[in-house]
Structure formats: structure tokens, C-alpha cells
Amino acid sequence: MPQLLEAQDSAGWRVSPEHGAISLFIHDDPLQARHKLLARLAAERIAHLLKKNAARNAAGGLRQEVAEEAARFAEILNDTSRSLAHRSLDLWGSLLAMGGHLEAHDTGKREGRDALDLLTVEGRSSLQTFLGIAGNLVRSFPEARALGDGADDFNRRAITTDMVRALLEEAMYAGFVDGKSGALIQHVAGVSRKSGTQADNAFATTATGGRNLAIAAIALAPLLFMTDGVASGILNDVGTDISNHQELGEKANDFIDSARAQIEAMLDNSPQDEAARLRSALEDLARQKELR
């Protein structure tokens, strides 16, 4: 068990063709190499975001706000005078601001805000993708991750073990999660009910695992509608190419429908950038259902 808890930061989900479900896996990439890869991807996505948001950058409104914050994030990311670890807290603050801009865009669109103040369709999609990749980079550093979802600040207050277990039961009932992985999460959740440091770590693992389960489902559900637009940018949370897994997309969709209340509760208590990105993806999914 201690080894499992120590490996929690490298845990994720991977499509299992054998079971037609997702299962837990552990990254074996050296952490430094993973940081380097994510930093390169984040730099590419921030450049893409600035390009897609080029029009009206200096004309006020949300587009200008996004462009200014994107430029700020890029400046921090490109500052080689400090290590990436030392820059992680600055990147975290910029990331939260970008999440707030995505939420403001979707809220403004629903409320009829002037379209010229809002992001273009391509700009919004680019922002979604950037948040997924940059979020993985920033939260791979313990200092930044602790600010958003440390056991004392986030997990114990916001996400209960019962909530995660209910979420897992719905996922297993829909056939979305492999049974062995489900049993593993339930075992860790049981440890979290005890007291002590190991229990605190187990609780953090349980809560983070539940949130990552929701992320994986939101990434895979669009396959039901033969599109990868929503999934782009968060596939690294799934860990494999999902283009040929439409059946698993259907299972993910069933899981989202049955566990919507638990997923919404997790998003209510998630870091702002992550919650905004996933809510935006859920809105896209709901519109696809309406058009079907």
C-alpha cells in the first residue's frame, strides 16, 4: 500500500481493449522528461491560442483579456533564468486566470454578450486544449498542485469518500471501468477512512482518482457522436489513442448521464481552470446530444 500511495502522482487511466473499459496504469516516464515534454506541448498550445485569438486583441473585451494572459503565461514559460519548478506557482496563477476567461466566455455566450467581445469558435477550442495540457504540466509540480487540491485544503472538505465510491459504482455499472481497477480504488478508499498520514494520502488518492475518472469520461464520451473536438487536449489523461473506441465512448456517455450529480459536485470544488475546462466540454457534449 505505501508503494501504491507513493505512485499516485504517476497514476492515470488507459483504454484497455481487452476489457473494453479503462483501467489504472502507472507512468514509467522519468519525471524530468515528462516535464520537458509537457512544457514543449504547453508552449506550442499557447502559441496556437495567440494565433487563433489574433483578431481584435487590442480592441477590448474577452479576446484582449485572453491574449494578454496568454502572453503572460508564455513569458513565464519561456523565462529560462529560473527552473520550471520555481516558475510553477506563477504558471499556476496564470492558469487559473485562463480558466476564469473560459468560464466567462461560456457564460457570456449564454447571456447574449456581444460576439465580437467573445472568443471565436477556434479560439475557444484552442483555449480548452491549452488548459488541459498546461494543467497537467503545472500540477506535475507538488507546490502548485498543493495550492489547488491538497488533502487538507481541497479533498477532505469538498470530495467525500462516499461520493467517489458512488461515482465508481456508476462507472462499473456502465462498464466504463475495469473491475480490477475499481476494486483497487475501493481498497484505497477504505484506507482513507482511518487516521494518520497514510489515510490522508489515501484520501487524496481517492479524491484525485475520482476527478480523473470524470475527466476520462468527458474525454471519451464524444466518440459516441463521431467527433474528437471536445476530447482534444485531455487525451493525455486517458493515455492512448481513442479514435477506434466508439463503444467505450457510449459507455462513458452512459456513465456521465447516471453520475451527473456526482460529477457536478466534483467540478464545484475543483480548481477554477480545471472546472471551467470540463464544464465547457460537458456543454459541448450536451449540444451534440440535442443535435443528434
C-alpha atoms as a PDB file:
ATOM      1  CA  MET A   1       0.000   0.000   0.000  1.00  0.00           C
ATOM      2  CA  PRO A   2       2.721   2.618   0.783  1.00  0.00           C
ATOM      3  CA  GLN A   3       4.230   1.992  -2.645  1.00  0.00           C
ATOM      4  CA  LEU A   4       0.831   2.470  -4.257  1.00  0.00           C
ATOM      5  CA  LEU A   5       0.274   5.774  -2.469  1.00  0.00           C
ATOM      6  CA  GLU A   6       3.754   6.996  -3.384  1.00  0.00           C
ATOM      7  CA  ALA A   7       2.960   6.236  -7.025  1.00  0.00           C
ATOM      8  CA  GLN A   8      -0.311   8.167  -7.008  1.00  0.00           C
ATOM      9  CA  ASP A   9       1.164  11.162  -8.833  1.00  0.00           C
ATOM     10  CA  SER A  10       2.049   8.910 -11.764  1.00  0.00           C
ATOM     11  CA  ALA A  11      -1.304   7.139 -11.887  1.00  0.00           C
ATOM     12  CA  GLY A  12      -3.810   7.620 -14.655  1.00  0.00           C
ATOM     13  CA  TRP A  13      -6.257   5.824 -16.902  1.00  0.00           C
ATOM     14  CA  ARG A  14      -5.622   3.863 -20.076  1.00  0.00           C
ATOM     15  CA  VAL A  15      -8.026   2.310 -22.543  1.00  0.00           C
ATOM     16  CA  SER A  16      -7.949  -1.477 -22.181  1.00  0.00           C
ATOM     17  CA  PRO A  17      -9.022  -3.107 -25.472  1.00  0.00           C
ATOM     18  CA  GLU A  18      -9.076  -6.466 -23.691  1.00  0.00           C
ATOM     19  CA  HIS A  19     -11.807  -5.335 -21.294  1.00  0.00           C
ATOM     20  CA  GLY A  20     -13.470  -2.646 -23.401  1.00  0.00           C
ATOM     21  CA  ALA A  21     -13.030  -0.327 -20.432  1.00  0.00           C
ATOM     22  CA  ILE A  22     -10.469   1.983 -18.874  1.00  0.00           C
ATOM     23  CA  SER A  23      -8.025   0.771 -16.252  1.00  0.00           C
ATOM     24  CA  LEU A  24      -5.431   2.284 -13.956  1.00  0.00           C
ATOM     25  CA  PHE A  25      -1.831   2.476 -15.083  1.00  0.00           C
ATOM     26  CA  ILE A  26       1.412   3.989 -13.836  1.00  0.00           C
ATOM     27  CA  HIS A  27       3.586   6.248 -15.984  1.00  0.00           C
ATOM     28  CA  ASP A  28       7.116   4.945 -16.223  1.00  0.00           C
ATOM     29  CA  ASP A  29       8.493   8.058 -17.914  1.00  0.00           C
ATOM     30  CA  PRO A  30      11.214   9.829 -15.903  1.00  0.00           C
ATOM     31  CA  LEU A  31       9.637  12.884 -14.293  1.00  0.00           C
ATOM     32  CA  GLN A  32      12.144  15.327 -15.793  1.00  0.00           C
ATOM     33  CA  ALA A  33      11.481  14.018 -19.293  1.00  0.00           C
ATOM     34  CA  ARG A  34       7.733  14.285 -18.695  1.00  0.00           C
ATOM     35  CA  HIS A  35       8.131  17.900 -17.546  1.00  0.00           C
ATOM     36  CA  LYS A  36      10.144  18.683 -20.658  1.00  0.00           C
ATOM     37  CA  LEU A  37       7.528  17.115 -22.929  1.00  0.00           C
ATOM     38  CA  LEU A  38       4.598  18.878 -21.262  1.00  0.00           C
ATOM     39  CA  ALA A  39       6.431  22.210 -21.301  1.00  0.00           C
ATOM     40  CA  ARG A  40       7.030  21.863 -25.040  1.00  0.00           C
ATOM     41  CA  LEU A  41       3.383  20.962 -25.657  1.00  0.00           C
ATOM     42  CA  ALA A  42       2.203  23.869 -23.492  1.00  0.00           C
ATOM     43  CA  ALA A  43       4.445  26.266 -25.419  1.00  0.00           C
ATOM     44  CA  GLU A  44       3.013  25.010 -28.712  1.00  0.00           C
ATOM     45  CA  ARG A  45      -0.571  25.324 -27.493  1.00  0.00           C
ATOM     46  CA  ILE A  46      -0.106  28.842 -26.089  1.00  0.00           C
ATOM     47  CA  ALA A  47       1.374  29.929 -29.418  1.00  0.00           C
ATOM     48  CA  HIS A  48      -1.600  28.373 -31.198  1.00  0.00           C
ATOM     49  CA  LEU A  49      -4.002  30.148 -28.852  1.00  0.00           C
ATOM     50  CA  LEU A  50      -2.372  33.517 -29.515  1.00  0.00           C
ATOM     51  CA  LYS A  51      -2.572  32.892 -33.261  1.00  0.00           C
ATOM     52  CA  LYS A  52      -6.236  31.858 -33.204  1.00  0.00           C
ATOM     53  CA  ASN A  53      -7.085  34.821 -30.989  1.00  0.00           C
ATOM     54  CA  ALA A  54      -5.126  37.368 -33.031  1.00  0.00           C
ATOM     55  CA  ALA A  55      -8.122  39.357 -34.307  1.00  0.00           C
ATOM     56  CA  ARG A  56      -9.247  42.255 -32.052  1.00  0.00           C
ATOM     57  CA  ASN A  57      -6.546  41.521 -29.485  1.00  0.00           C
ATOM     58  CA  ALA A  58      -6.246  45.234 -28.713  1.00  0.00           C
ATOM     59  CA  ALA A  59      -9.920  46.124 -29.050  1.00  0.00           C
ATOM     60  CA  GLY A  60     -11.044  45.300 -25.516  1.00  0.00           C
ATOM     61  CA  GLY A  61     -13.385  42.557 -24.416  1.00  0.00           C
ATOM     62  CA  LEU A  62     -12.615  38.981 -23.546  1.00  0.00           C
ATOM     63  CA  ARG A  63     -10.385  38.386 -26.573  1.00  0.00           C
ATOM     64  CA  GLN A  64      -7.953  41.022 -25.375  1.00  0.00           C
ATOM     65  CA  GLU A  65      -8.023  39.674 -21.825  1.00  0.00           C
ATOM     66  CA  VAL A  66      -7.262  36.162 -23.066  1.00  0.00           C
ATOM     67  CA  ALA A  67      -4.478  37.423 -25.333  1.00  0.00           C
ATOM     68  CA  GLU A  68      -2.852  39.380 -22.505  1.00  0.00           C
ATOM     69  CA  GLU A  69      -2.975  36.448 -20.085  1.00  0.00           C
ATOM     70  CA  ALA A  70      -1.747  34.035 -22.753  1.00  0.00           C
ATOM     71  CA  ALA A  71       1.220  36.321 -23.414  1.00  0.00           C
ATOM     72  CA  ARG A  72       1.891  36.447 -19.661  1.00  0.00           C
ATOM     73  CA  PHE A  73       1.842  32.641 -19.410  1.00  0.00           C
ATOM     74  CA  ALA A  74       4.171  32.357 -22.431  1.00  0.00           C
ATOM     75  CA  GLU A  75       6.595  34.869 -20.885  1.00  0.00           C
ATOM     76  CA  ILE A  76       6.772  32.879 -17.639  1.00  0.00           C
ATOM     77  CA  LEU A  77       7.151  29.596 -19.518  1.00  0.00           C
ATOM     78  CA  ASN A  78       9.998  30.989 -21.632  1.00  0.00           C
ATOM     79  CA  ASP A  79      11.889  32.506 -18.686  1.00  0.00           C
ATOM     80  CA  THR A  80      14.904  30.214 -18.509  1.00  0.00           C
ATOM     81  CA  SER A  81      16.568  32.251 -15.757  1.00  0.00           C
ATOM     82  CA  ARG A  82      14.626  30.155 -13.218  1.00  0.00           C
ATOM     83  CA  SER A  83      13.898  26.438 -13.090  1.00  0.00           C
ATOM     84  CA  LEU A  84      10.485  25.244 -14.201  1.00  0.00           C
ATOM     85  CA  ALA A  85       9.760  24.131 -10.648  1.00  0.00           C
ATOM     86  CA  HIS A  86      10.391  27.676  -9.365  1.00  0.00           C
ATOM     87  CA  ARG A  87       8.086  29.058 -12.056  1.00  0.00           C
ATOM     88  CA  SER A  88       5.274  26.579 -11.338  1.00  0.00           C
ATOM     89  CA  LEU A  89       3.443  28.826  -8.858  1.00  0.00           C
ATOM     90  CA  ASP A  90       3.487  31.756 -11.282  1.00  0.00           C
ATOM     91  CA  LEU A  91       2.220  29.463 -14.023  1.00  0.00           C
ATOM     92  CA  TRP A  92      -0.485  28.191 -11.663  1.00  0.00           C
ATOM     93  CA  GLY A  93      -1.800  31.717 -11.078  1.00  0.00           C
ATOM     94  CA  SER A  94      -1.905  32.449 -14.799  1.00  0.00           C
ATOM     95  CA  LEU A  95      -3.605  29.114 -15.434  1.00  0.00           C
ATOM     96  CA  LEU A  96      -6.412  29.950 -13.002  1.00  0.00           C
ATOM     97  CA  ALA A  97      -6.946  33.266 -14.765  1.00  0.00           C
ATOM     98  CA  MET A  98      -7.214  31.496 -18.123  1.00  0.00           C
ATOM     99  CA  GLY A  99      -9.791  29.121 -16.670  1.00  0.00           C
ATOM    100  CA  GLY A 100     -11.797  32.110 -15.489  1.00  0.00           C
ATOM    101  CA  HIS A 101     -11.714  33.531 -19.018  1.00  0.00           C
ATOM    102  CA  LEU A 102     -13.086  30.293 -20.492  1.00  0.00           C
ATOM    103  CA  GLU A 103     -15.896  30.287 -17.954  1.00  0.00           C
ATOM    104  CA  ALA A 104     -16.610  33.960 -18.699  1.00  0.00           C
ATOM    105  CA  HIS A 105     -16.793  33.170 -22.425  1.00  0.00           C
ATOM    106  CA  ASP A 106     -19.342  30.373 -21.993  1.00  0.00           C
ATOM    107  CA  THR A 107     -21.388  32.413 -19.515  1.00  0.00           C
ATOM    108  CA  GLY A 108     -21.277  35.465 -21.771  1.00  0.00           C
ATOM    109  CA  LYS A 109     -22.392  33.469 -24.782  1.00  0.00           C
ATOM    110  CA  ARG A 110     -25.382  32.072 -22.888  1.00  0.00           C
ATOM    111  CA  GLU A 111     -26.303  35.574 -21.701  1.00  0.00           C
ATOM    112  CA  GLY A 112     -26.042  37.137 -25.168  1.00  0.00           C
ATOM    113  CA  ARG A 113     -22.794  39.068 -24.796  1.00  0.00           C
ATOM    114  CA  ASP A 114     -21.563  40.795 -27.970  1.00  0.00           C
ATOM    115  CA  ALA A 115     -19.962  38.094 -30.118  1.00  0.00           C
ATOM    116  CA  LEU A 116     -17.112  40.455 -31.021  1.00  0.00           C
ATOM    117  CA  ASP A 117     -16.113  40.534 -27.352  1.00  0.00           C
ATOM    118  CA  LEU A 118     -16.058  36.748 -27.136  1.00  0.00           C
ATOM    119  CA  LEU A 119     -13.620  34.181 -28.465  1.00  0.00           C
ATOM    120  CA  THR A 120     -14.010  32.704 -31.908  1.00  0.00           C
ATOM    121  CA  VAL A 121     -15.011  29.043 -32.147  1.00  0.00           C
ATOM    122  CA  GLU A 122     -11.403  28.182 -32.969  1.00  0.00           C
ATOM    123  CA  GLY A 123     -10.127  30.375 -30.146  1.00  0.00           C
ATOM    124  CA  ARG A 124     -12.364  28.715 -27.571  1.00  0.00           C
ATOM    125  CA  SER A 125     -11.340  25.243 -28.734  1.00  0.00           C
ATOM    126  CA  SER A 126      -7.690  26.266 -28.562  1.00  0.00           C
ATOM    127  CA  LEU A 127      -8.178  27.572 -25.012  1.00  0.00           C
ATOM    128  CA  GLN A 128      -9.778  24.269 -23.972  1.00  0.00           C
ATOM    129  CA  THR A 129      -6.838  22.342 -25.369  1.00  0.00           C
ATOM    130  CA  PHE A 130      -4.289  24.642 -23.751  1.00  0.00           C
ATOM    131  CA  LEU A 131      -5.905  24.325 -20.319  1.00  0.00           C
ATOM    132  CA  GLY A 132      -5.767  20.534 -20.498  1.00  0.00           C
ATOM    133  CA  ILE A 133      -2.088  20.371 -21.375  1.00  0.00           C
ATOM    134  CA  ALA A 134      -0.933  23.282 -19.215  1.00  0.00           C
ATOM    135  CA  GLY A 135      -2.911  21.952 -16.252  1.00  0.00           C
ATOM    136  CA  ASN A 136      -1.051  18.653 -16.452  1.00  0.00           C
ATOM    137  CA  LEU A 137       2.266  20.492 -16.607  1.00  0.00           C
ATOM    138  CA  VAL A 138       1.615  22.858 -13.717  1.00  0.00           C
ATOM    139  CA  ARG A 139       0.122  20.228 -11.404  1.00  0.00           C
ATOM    140  CA  SER A 140       3.001  17.844 -12.006  1.00  0.00           C
ATOM    141  CA  PHE A 141       4.863  20.079  -9.524  1.00  0.00           C
ATOM    142  CA  PRO A 142       3.822  19.362  -5.909  1.00  0.00           C
ATOM    143  CA  GLU A 143       3.930  23.018  -4.786  1.00  0.00           C
ATOM    144  CA  ALA A 144       1.407  24.129  -7.382  1.00  0.00           C
ATOM    145  CA  ARG A 145      -0.746  21.028  -7.016  1.00  0.00           C
ATOM    146  CA  ALA A 146      -0.996  21.515  -3.259  1.00  0.00           C
ATOM    147  CA  LEU A 147      -2.462  25.003  -3.750  1.00  0.00           C
ATOM    148  CA  GLY A 148      -5.339  23.608  -5.790  1.00  0.00           C
ATOM    149  CA  ASP A 149      -6.153  20.252  -4.292  1.00  0.00           C
ATOM    150  CA  GLY A 150      -4.087  19.441  -1.221  1.00  0.00           C
ATOM    151  CA  ALA A 151      -5.595  16.931   1.196  1.00  0.00           C
ATOM    152  CA  ASP A 152      -6.190  19.495   3.958  1.00  0.00           C
ATOM    153  CA  ASP A 153      -7.451  22.322   1.734  1.00  0.00           C
ATOM    154  CA  PHE A 154      -9.424  20.634  -1.035  1.00  0.00           C
ATOM    155  CA  ASN A 155     -10.043  16.933  -0.781  1.00  0.00           C
ATOM    156  CA  ARG A 156     -11.220  16.476   2.807  1.00  0.00           C
ATOM    157  CA  ARG A 157     -13.746  19.318   2.623  1.00  0.00           C
ATOM    158  CA  ALA A 158     -15.002  19.011  -0.921  1.00  0.00           C
ATOM    159  CA  ILE A 159     -14.997  15.396  -2.043  1.00  0.00           C
ATOM    160  CA  THR A 160     -16.113  12.627   0.262  1.00  0.00           C
ATOM    161  CA  THR A 161     -15.117   9.002   0.019  1.00  0.00           C
ATOM    162  CA  ASP A 162     -18.784   8.067  -0.392  1.00  0.00           C
ATOM    163  CA  MET A 163     -19.060  10.432  -3.356  1.00  0.00           C
ATOM    164  CA  VAL A 164     -16.124   8.777  -5.105  1.00  0.00           C
ATOM    165  CA  ARG A 165     -17.425   5.301  -4.342  1.00  0.00           C
ATOM    166  CA  ALA A 166     -20.835   6.214  -5.770  1.00  0.00           C
ATOM    167  CA  LEU A 167     -19.111   7.600  -8.850  1.00  0.00           C
ATOM    168  CA  LEU A 168     -17.090   4.425  -9.213  1.00  0.00           C
ATOM    169  CA  GLU A 169     -20.159   2.213  -8.839  1.00  0.00           C
ATOM    170  CA  GLU A 170     -21.872   4.073 -11.689  1.00  0.00           C
ATOM    171  CA  ALA A 171     -18.742   3.718 -13.836  1.00  0.00           C
ATOM    172  CA  MET A 172     -18.528  -0.007 -13.187  1.00  0.00           C
ATOM    173  CA  TYR A 173     -22.266  -0.485 -13.768  1.00  0.00           C
ATOM    174  CA  ALA A 174     -21.890   1.240 -17.158  1.00  0.00           C
ATOM    175  CA  GLY A 175     -18.901  -0.996 -17.956  1.00  0.00           C
ATOM    176  CA  PHE A 176     -16.666   2.057 -18.228  1.00  0.00           C
ATOM    177  CA  VAL A 177     -14.110   0.964 -15.610  1.00  0.00           C
ATOM    178  CA  ASP A 178     -12.334  -2.383 -15.487  1.00  0.00           C
ATOM    179  CA  GLY A 179     -13.365  -4.375 -12.407  1.00  0.00           C
ATOM    180  CA  LYS A 180      -9.816  -4.827 -11.102  1.00  0.00           C
ATOM    181  CA  SER A 181      -9.182  -1.095 -11.206  1.00  0.00           C
ATOM    182  CA  GLY A 182     -12.484  -0.463  -9.457  1.00  0.00           C
ATOM    183  CA  ALA A 183     -11.572  -2.877  -6.674  1.00  0.00           C
ATOM    184  CA  LEU A 184      -8.207  -1.142  -6.251  1.00  0.00           C
ATOM    185  CA  ILE A 185      -9.817   2.285  -5.856  1.00  0.00           C
ATOM    186  CA  GLN A 186     -12.333   0.893  -3.358  1.00  0.00           C
ATOM    187  CA  HIS A 187      -9.476  -0.602  -1.333  1.00  0.00           C
ATOM    188  CA  VAL A 188      -7.641   2.724  -1.205  1.00  0.00           C
ATOM    189  CA  ALA A 189     -10.910   4.456  -0.264  1.00  0.00           C
ATOM    190  CA  GLY A 190     -11.231   2.064   2.660  1.00  0.00           C
ATOM    191  CA  VAL A 191      -7.757   3.015   3.909  1.00  0.00           C
ATOM    192  CA  SER A 192      -8.738   6.695   3.733  1.00  0.00           C
ATOM    193  CA  ARG A 193     -11.380   6.176   6.444  1.00  0.00           C
ATOM    194  CA  LYS A 194      -8.635   5.529   9.015  1.00  0.00           C
ATOM    195  CA  SER A 195      -6.462   8.142  10.694  1.00  0.00           C
ATOM    196  CA  GLY A 196      -2.867   9.148  10.162  1.00  0.00           C
ATOM    197  CA  THR A 197      -0.632  10.261   7.327  1.00  0.00           C
ATOM    198  CA  GLN A 198      -1.264   7.166   5.220  1.00  0.00           C
ATOM    199  CA  ALA A 199      -5.015   7.710   5.497  1.00  0.00           C
ATOM    200  CA  ASP A 200      -4.607  11.348   4.449  1.00  0.00           C
ATOM    201  CA  ASN A 201      -2.592  10.247   1.436  1.00  0.00           C
ATOM    202  CA  ALA A 202      -5.174   7.589   0.615  1.00  0.00           C
ATOM    203  CA  PHE A 203      -7.932  10.181   0.783  1.00  0.00           C
ATOM    204  CA  ALA A 204      -6.034  12.452  -1.610  1.00  0.00           C
ATOM    205  CA  THR A 205      -5.547   9.483  -3.942  1.00  0.00           C
ATOM    206  CA  THR A 206      -9.247   8.590  -3.783  1.00  0.00           C
ATOM    207  CA  ALA A 207     -10.453  12.131  -4.465  1.00  0.00           C
ATOM    208  CA  THR A 208      -7.953  12.751  -7.244  1.00  0.00           C
ATOM    209  CA  GLY A 209      -8.771   9.387  -8.787  1.00  0.00           C
ATOM    210  CA  GLY A 210     -12.469  10.209  -8.793  1.00  0.00           C
ATOM    211  CA  ARG A 211     -11.863  13.533 -10.504  1.00  0.00           C
ATOM    212  CA  ASN A 212      -9.581  11.905 -13.064  1.00  0.00           C
ATOM    213  CA  LEU A 213     -12.272   9.322 -13.722  1.00  0.00           C
ATOM    214  CA  ALA A 214     -14.687  12.118 -14.604  1.00  0.00           C
ATOM    215  CA  ILE A 215     -12.030  13.700 -16.836  1.00  0.00           C
ATOM    216  CA  ALA A 216     -11.518  10.425 -18.698  1.00  0.00           C
ATOM    217  CA  ALA A 217     -15.264  10.026 -19.249  1.00  0.00           C
ATOM    218  CA  ILE A 218     -15.635  13.546 -20.621  1.00  0.00           C
ATOM    219  CA  ALA A 219     -12.744  12.869 -22.985  1.00  0.00           C
ATOM    220  CA  LEU A 220     -14.227   9.631 -24.282  1.00  0.00           C
ATOM    221  CA  ALA A 221     -17.957  10.419 -24.421  1.00  0.00           C
ATOM    222  CA  PRO A 222     -17.753  12.496 -27.657  1.00  0.00           C
ATOM    223  CA  LEU A 223     -16.769   9.355 -29.541  1.00  0.00           C
ATOM    224  CA  LEU A 224     -20.440   8.439 -29.421  1.00  0.00           C
ATOM    225  CA  PHE A 225     -21.022  11.366 -31.764  1.00  0.00           C
ATOM    226  CA  MET A 226     -18.032  10.606 -34.017  1.00  0.00           C
ATOM    227  CA  THR A 227     -16.087  13.735 -33.103  1.00  0.00           C
ATOM    228  CA  ASP A 228     -12.871  14.385 -31.218  1.00  0.00           C
ATOM    229  CA  GLY A 229     -13.315  18.138 -30.778  1.00  0.00           C
ATOM    230  CA  VAL A 230     -14.151  18.023 -27.089  1.00  0.00           C
ATOM    231  CA  ALA A 231     -11.606  15.331 -26.359  1.00  0.00           C
ATOM    232  CA  SER A 232      -8.643  17.244 -27.766  1.00  0.00           C
ATOM    233  CA  GLY A 233      -6.265  18.455 -25.110  1.00  0.00           C
ATOM    234  CA  ILE A 234      -7.216  15.970 -22.417  1.00  0.00           C
ATOM    235  CA  LEU A 235      -6.326  12.700 -24.084  1.00  0.00           C
ATOM    236  CA  ASN A 236      -3.114  12.569 -22.107  1.00  0.00           C
ATOM    237  CA  ASP A 237      -5.316  11.889 -19.065  1.00  0.00           C
ATOM    238  CA  VAL A 238      -6.520   8.766 -20.844  1.00  0.00           C
ATOM    239  CA  GLY A 239      -3.136   7.688 -22.086  1.00  0.00           C
ATOM    240  CA  THR A 240      -3.808   6.256 -25.528  1.00  0.00           C
ATOM    241  CA  ASP A 241      -5.289   6.896 -28.944  1.00  0.00           C
ATOM    242  CA  ILE A 242      -9.070   6.575 -28.576  1.00  0.00           C
ATOM    243  CA  SER A 243     -10.075   7.001 -32.216  1.00  0.00           C
ATOM    244  CA  ASN A 244     -11.258   3.405 -32.559  1.00  0.00           C
ATOM    245  CA  HIS A 245     -13.124   3.129 -29.288  1.00  0.00           C
ATOM    246  CA  GLN A 246     -16.624   4.365 -30.060  1.00  0.00           C
ATOM    247  CA  GLU A 247     -18.156   1.598 -27.957  1.00  0.00           C
ATOM    248  CA  LEU A 248     -16.214   2.875 -24.967  1.00  0.00           C
ATOM    249  CA  GLY A 249     -17.494   6.360 -25.801  1.00  0.00           C
ATOM    250  CA  GLU A 250     -21.024   5.034 -25.436  1.00  0.00           C
ATOM    251  CA  LYS A 251     -20.148   3.586 -22.028  1.00  0.00           C
ATOM    252  CA  ALA A 252     -18.627   6.908 -20.997  1.00  0.00           C
ATOM    253  CA  ASN A 253     -21.786   8.713 -22.092  1.00  0.00           C
ATOM    254  CA  ASP A 254     -23.967   6.334 -20.050  1.00  0.00           C
ATOM    255  CA  PHE A 255     -21.690   6.870 -17.071  1.00  0.00           C
ATOM    256  CA  ILE A 256     -21.909  10.672 -17.362  1.00  0.00           C
ATOM    257  CA  ASP A 257     -25.702  10.548 -17.556  1.00  0.00           C
ATOM    258  CA  SER A 258     -26.018   8.322 -14.486  1.00  0.00           C
ATOM    259  CA  ALA A 259     -23.406  10.131 -12.400  1.00  0.00           C
ATOM    260  CA  ARG A 260     -24.047  13.733 -13.465  1.00  0.00           C
ATOM    261  CA  ALA A 261     -24.814  14.917  -9.926  1.00  0.00           C
ATOM    262  CA  GLN A 262     -21.567  13.473  -8.533  1.00  0.00           C
ATOM    263  CA  ILE A 263     -19.553  14.895 -11.426  1.00  0.00           C
ATOM    264  CA  GLU A 264     -21.081  18.349 -10.959  1.00  0.00           C
ATOM    265  CA  ALA A 265     -20.303  18.213  -7.241  1.00  0.00           C
ATOM    266  CA  MET A 266     -16.662  17.448  -8.003  1.00  0.00           C
ATOM    267  CA  LEU A 267     -16.461  20.288 -10.502  1.00  0.00           C
ATOM    268  CA  ASP A 268     -17.963  22.687  -7.960  1.00  0.00           C
ATOM    269  CA  ASN A 269     -14.960  22.011  -5.743  1.00  0.00           C
ATOM    270  CA  SER A 270     -12.224  21.664  -8.362  1.00  0.00           C
ATOM    271  CA  PRO A 271      -9.598  24.272  -9.277  1.00  0.00           C
ATOM    272  CA  GLN A 272     -11.110  27.014 -11.430  1.00  0.00           C
ATOM    273  CA  ASP A 273      -9.232  26.249 -14.632  1.00  0.00           C
ATOM    274  CA  GLU A 274      -9.984  22.542 -14.471  1.00  0.00           C
ATOM    275  CA  ALA A 275     -13.656  23.046 -13.619  1.00  0.00           C
ATOM    276  CA  ALA A 276     -14.119  25.588 -16.413  1.00  0.00           C
ATOM    277  CA  ARG A 277     -12.497  23.302 -18.991  1.00  0.00           C
ATOM    278  CA  LEU A 278     -14.589  20.283 -18.060  1.00  0.00           C
ATOM    279  CA  ARG A 279     -17.858  22.218 -17.804  1.00  0.00           C
ATOM    280  CA  SER A 280     -17.148  23.649 -21.226  1.00  0.00           C
ATOM    281  CA  ALA A 281     -16.632  20.133 -22.575  1.00  0.00           C
ATOM    282  CA  LEU A 282     -19.878  18.964 -20.945  1.00  0.00           C
ATOM    283  CA  GLU A 283     -21.748  21.844 -22.572  1.00  0.00           C
ATOM    284  CA  ASP A 284     -20.378  20.800 -25.954  1.00  0.00           C
ATOM    285  CA  LEU A 285     -21.470  17.248 -25.297  1.00  0.00           C
ATOM    286  CA  ALA A 286     -24.983  18.346 -24.340  1.00  0.00           C
ATOM    287  CA  ARG A 287     -25.294  20.325 -27.590  1.00  0.00           C
ATOM    288  CA  GLN A 288     -24.178  17.297 -29.574  1.00  0.00           C
ATOM    289  CA  LYS A 289     -26.919  15.251 -27.931  1.00  0.00           C
ATOM    290  CA  GLU A 290     -29.521  17.850 -28.859  1.00  0.00           C
ATOM    291  CA  LEU A 291     -28.412  17.793 -32.485  1.00  0.00           C
ATOM    292  CA  ARG A 292     -28.354  14.034 -32.723  1.00  0.00           C
END
